[in-house]
Amino acid sequence: MATDGRGRVIVREGPLGFVFLLAYIGAAIYFVSLSNGTFWGVILGLLQAIVWPAYVVYHLLVLLGA
């Protein structure tokens, strides 16, 4: 039986990606609601929503005294 050299790839990260999407949407709502409502305030809120895990790690390290 001859094969054409192509392998089968199965990606199973769909549910985890959905969880990350929900986390981003929740963070975006939170940070945009804290903004002053201007265009650049909303853009800054969306950018903060991308990097919110860094905020969490920073505040945890401050809390631990590191």
Protein backbone atom coordinates (compact mmCIF):
# COMPACT_ATOMS: atom_id res chain seq x y z
CA MET A 1 0.00 0.00 0.00
CA ALA A 2 1.52 3.31 -1.05
CA THR A 3 1.35 6.44 1.08
CA ASP A 4 1.71 10.00 -0.03
CA GLY A 5 3.74 11.09 3.02
CA ARG A 6 1.06 13.24 4.58
CA GLY A 7 0.24 12.68 8.22
CA ARG A 8 -2.98 13.26 10.01
CA VAL A 9 -2.98 16.09 12.56
CA ILE A 10 -5.73 16.32 15.14
CA VAL A 11 -5.92 19.52 17.15
CA ARG A 12 -7.74 19.21 20.46
CA GLU A 13 -7.24 22.70 21.93
CA GLY A 14 -10.69 23.94 20.95
CA PRO A 15 -12.27 23.98 24.42
CA LEU A 16 -9.25 25.68 25.99
CA GLY A 17 -9.28 28.32 23.26
CA PHE A 18 -12.93 28.99 24.03
CA VAL A 19 -12.08 29.50 27.70
CA PHE A 20 -9.34 31.96 26.74
CA LEU A 21 -11.79 33.79 24.47
CA LEU A 22 -14.28 34.12 27.31
CA ALA A 23 -11.51 35.35 29.63
CA TYR A 24 -10.49 37.98 27.05
CA ILE A 25 -14.07 39.15 26.58
CA GLY A 26 -14.59 39.43 30.33
CA ALA A 27 -11.32 41.33 30.77
CA ALA A 28 -12.18 43.61 27.85
CA ILE A 29 -15.55 44.45 29.39
CA TYR A 30 -13.89 45.14 32.74
CA PHE A 31 -11.08 47.36 31.42
CA VAL A 32 -13.29 49.23 28.94
CA SER A 33 -15.79 49.94 31.72
CA LEU A 34 -12.95 51.49 33.75
CA SER A 35 -11.91 53.74 30.87
CA ASN A 36 -13.18 57.28 30.47
CA GLY A 37 -15.08 56.43 27.26
CA THR A 38 -12.81 58.20 24.80
CA PHE A 39 -11.53 56.37 21.73
CA TRP A 40 -8.01 55.98 23.09
CA GLY A 41 -9.34 54.98 26.49
CA VAL A 42 -11.27 52.12 24.89
CA ILE A 43 -8.23 51.09 22.82
CA LEU A 44 -6.10 51.10 25.98
CA GLY A 45 -8.74 48.98 27.72
CA LEU A 46 -8.64 46.41 24.91
CA LEU A 47 -4.84 46.30 25.04
CA GLN A 48 -4.95 45.85 28.82
CA ALA A 49 -7.37 42.96 28.31
CA ILE A 50 -4.73 41.20 26.23
CA VAL A 51 -2.07 41.40 28.94
CA TRP A 52 -4.24 41.04 32.07
CA PRO A 53 -2.44 37.85 33.21
CA ALA A 54 0.71 39.96 33.64
CA TYR A 55 -1.24 42.25 35.99
CA VAL A 56 -2.34 39.23 38.03
CA VAL A 57 1.19 37.84 38.31
CA TYR A 58 2.58 41.26 39.26
CA HIS A 59 0.04 41.80 42.02
CA LEU A 60 0.53 38.28 43.34
CA LEU A 61 4.27 38.88 43.54
CA VAL A 62 3.70 42.19 45.33
CA LEU A 63 1.36 40.43 47.75
CA LEU A 64 4.00 37.77 48.44
CA GLY A 65 6.63 40.45 49.01
CA ALA A 66 8.88 39.30 46.22
